C-alpha atoms as a PDB file:
ATOM      1  CA  MET A   1      28.151  41.848   7.324  1.00  0.00           C
ATOM      2  CA  LYS A   2      26.591  45.148   6.260  1.00  0.00           C
ATOM      3  CA  LEU A   3      23.183  43.487   6.005  1.00  0.00           C
ATOM      4  CA  PHE A   4      23.523  42.196   9.580  1.00  0.00           C
ATOM      5  CA  GLN A   5      24.492  45.647  10.881  1.00  0.00           C
ATOM      6  CA  LYS A   6      21.593  47.259   9.033  1.00  0.00           C
ATOM      7  CA  GLY A   7      19.194  44.680  10.493  1.00  0.00           C
ATOM      8  CA  ILE A   8      20.477  45.287  14.018  1.00  0.00           C
ATOM      9  CA  SER A   9      20.222  49.039  13.469  1.00  0.00           C
ATOM     10  CA  ILE A  10      16.580  48.742  12.383  1.00  0.00           C
ATOM     11  CA  LEU A  11      15.788  46.440  15.303  1.00  0.00           C
ATOM     12  CA  VAL A  12      17.321  48.844  17.824  1.00  0.00           C
ATOM     13  CA  THR A  13      15.551  51.798  16.188  1.00  0.00           C
ATOM     14  CA  ILE A  14      12.202  50.068  16.665  1.00  0.00           C
ATOM     15  CA  ALA A  15      12.911  48.567  20.097  1.00  0.00           C
ATOM     16  CA  ILE A  16      14.160  51.661  21.942  1.00  0.00           C
ATOM     17  CA  PRO A  17      10.983  53.779  21.528  1.00  0.00           C
ATOM     18  CA  PHE A  18       8.856  50.753  22.448  1.00  0.00           C
ATOM     19  CA  PHE A  19      10.786  50.141  25.668  1.00  0.00           C
ATOM     20  CA  LEU A  20      10.781  53.842  26.556  1.00  0.00           C
ATOM     21  CA  VAL A  21       7.002  54.076  26.144  1.00  0.00           C
ATOM     22  CA  MET A  22       6.412  50.878  28.110  1.00  0.00           C
ATOM     23  CA  THR A  23       8.691  52.095  30.913  1.00  0.00           C
ATOM     24  CA  MET A  24       6.815  55.392  31.153  1.00  0.00           C
ATOM     25  CA  ILE A  25       3.469  53.572  31.242  1.00  0.00           C
ATOM     26  CA  ARG A  26       4.759  51.317  34.019  1.00  0.00           C
ATOM     27  CA  LEU A  27       5.894  54.377  36.001  1.00  0.00           C
ATOM     28  CA  LEU A  28       2.389  55.833  35.706  1.00  0.00           C
ATOM     29  CA  PHE A  29       1.004  52.713  37.391  1.00  0.00           C
ATOM     30  CA  GLN A  30       2.905  53.290  40.639  1.00  0.00           C
ATOM     31  CA  PRO A  31       1.261  54.348  43.926  1.00  0.00           C
ATOM     32  CA  VAL A  32       3.731  57.240  44.171  1.00  0.00           C
ATOM     33  CA  PHE A  33       2.355  58.750  40.955  1.00  0.00           C
ATOM     34  CA  LEU A  34      -1.200  58.235  42.205  1.00  0.00           C
ATOM     35  CA  ARG A  35      -0.422  60.072  45.448  1.00  0.00           C
ATOM     36  CA  LEU A  36       1.350  62.855  43.548  1.00  0.00           C
ATOM     37  CA  GLU A  37      -1.574  63.409  41.187  1.00  0.00           C
ATOM     38  CA  TYR A  38      -4.227  63.409  43.917  1.00  0.00           C
ATOM     39  CA  GLN A  39      -2.268  66.006  45.894  1.00  0.00           C
ATOM     40  CA  MET A  40      -1.854  68.447  42.990  1.00  0.00           C
ATOM     41  CA  PRO A  41      -3.328  71.877  43.824  1.00  0.00           C
ATOM     42  CA  GLY A  42      -5.803  71.958  40.917  1.00  0.00           C
ATOM     43  CA  PHE A  43      -7.076  68.386  41.262  1.00  0.00           C
ATOM     44  CA  PRO A  44     -10.887  68.483  41.497  1.00  0.00           C
ATOM     45  CA  PRO A  45     -12.712  67.262  44.605  1.00  0.00           C
ATOM     46  CA  ASP A  46     -14.552  63.978  44.436  1.00  0.00           C
ATOM     47  CA  PRO A  47     -18.243  64.429  43.515  1.00  0.00           C
ATOM     48  CA  TYR A  48     -19.185  61.352  45.592  1.00  0.00           C
ATOM     49  CA  GLY A  49     -17.630  62.548  48.847  1.00  0.00           C
ATOM     50  CA  PHE A  50     -14.460  60.459  49.020  1.00  0.00           C
ATOM     51  CA  THR A  51     -11.700  62.057  51.054  1.00  0.00           C
ATOM     52  CA  LEU A  52      -8.146  62.329  49.770  1.00  0.00           C
ATOM     53  CA  GLU A  53      -7.138  59.346  51.921  1.00  0.00           C
ATOM     54  CA  ASP A  54     -10.060  57.279  50.576  1.00  0.00           C
ATOM     55  CA  ARG A  55      -9.148  58.100  47.006  1.00  0.00           C
ATOM     56  CA  ILE A  56      -5.504  57.152  47.537  1.00  0.00           C
ATOM     57  CA  GLN A  57      -6.461  53.925  49.334  1.00  0.00           C
ATOM     58  CA  TRP A  58      -8.916  52.751  46.671  1.00  0.00           C
ATOM     59  CA  GLY A  59      -6.664  53.911  43.860  1.00  0.00           C
ATOM     60  CA  THR A  60      -3.841  51.832  45.322  1.00  0.00           C
ATOM     61  CA  VAL A  61      -6.150  48.814  45.640  1.00  0.00           C
ATOM     62  CA  SER A  62      -7.132  49.269  41.998  1.00  0.00           C
ATOM     63  CA  LEU A  63      -3.492  49.375  40.919  1.00  0.00           C
ATOM     64  CA  GLN A  64      -2.742  46.234  42.946  1.00  0.00           C
ATOM     65  CA  TYR A  65      -5.698  44.512  41.285  1.00  0.00           C
ATOM     66  CA  LEU A  66      -4.348  45.314  37.832  1.00  0.00           C
ATOM     67  CA  PHE A  67      -0.992  43.679  38.558  1.00  0.00           C
ATOM     68  CA  ASN A  68      -1.835  40.507  40.472  1.00  0.00           C
ATOM     69  CA  ASP A  69      -2.975  36.990  39.616  1.00  0.00           C
ATOM     70  CA  GLN A  70      -5.764  36.644  42.180  1.00  0.00           C
ATOM     71  CA  GLY A  71      -8.629  37.328  39.799  1.00  0.00           C
ATOM     72  CA  ILE A  72     -11.924  39.036  40.506  1.00  0.00           C
ATOM     73  CA  SER A  73     -11.977  37.988  44.173  1.00  0.00           C
ATOM     74  CA  PHE A  74      -9.080  40.336  45.038  1.00  0.00           C
ATOM     75  CA  PRO A  75     -11.131  43.559  45.571  1.00  0.00           C
ATOM     76  CA  VAL A  76     -13.796  41.645  47.506  1.00  0.00           C
ATOM     77  CA  SER A  77     -11.335  41.019  50.342  1.00  0.00           C
ATOM     78  CA  TYR A  78     -11.149  44.787  50.919  1.00  0.00           C
ATOM     79  CA  THR A  79     -14.910  45.285  51.127  1.00  0.00           C
ATOM     80  CA  GLN A  80     -15.559  42.544  53.706  1.00  0.00           C
ATOM     81  CA  SER A  81     -13.511  43.992  56.557  1.00  0.00           C
END
């Protein structure tokens, strides 16, 4: 029984940091975080002339692309409007 408890203890010790890190990474990939970062006072202006709204829009599209199953054709639908 002690061996089982020690095994569970080791498993939990390894799993908790992994799940905490993965949760924090997932929170960073939210549009709310993107909007928050772009509106920070010291955030540099875009060297290519994108406005704040453009940057938030295209950043959100990029995040949606990372988490969908539509493949490479997904961003194309935004450029053909």
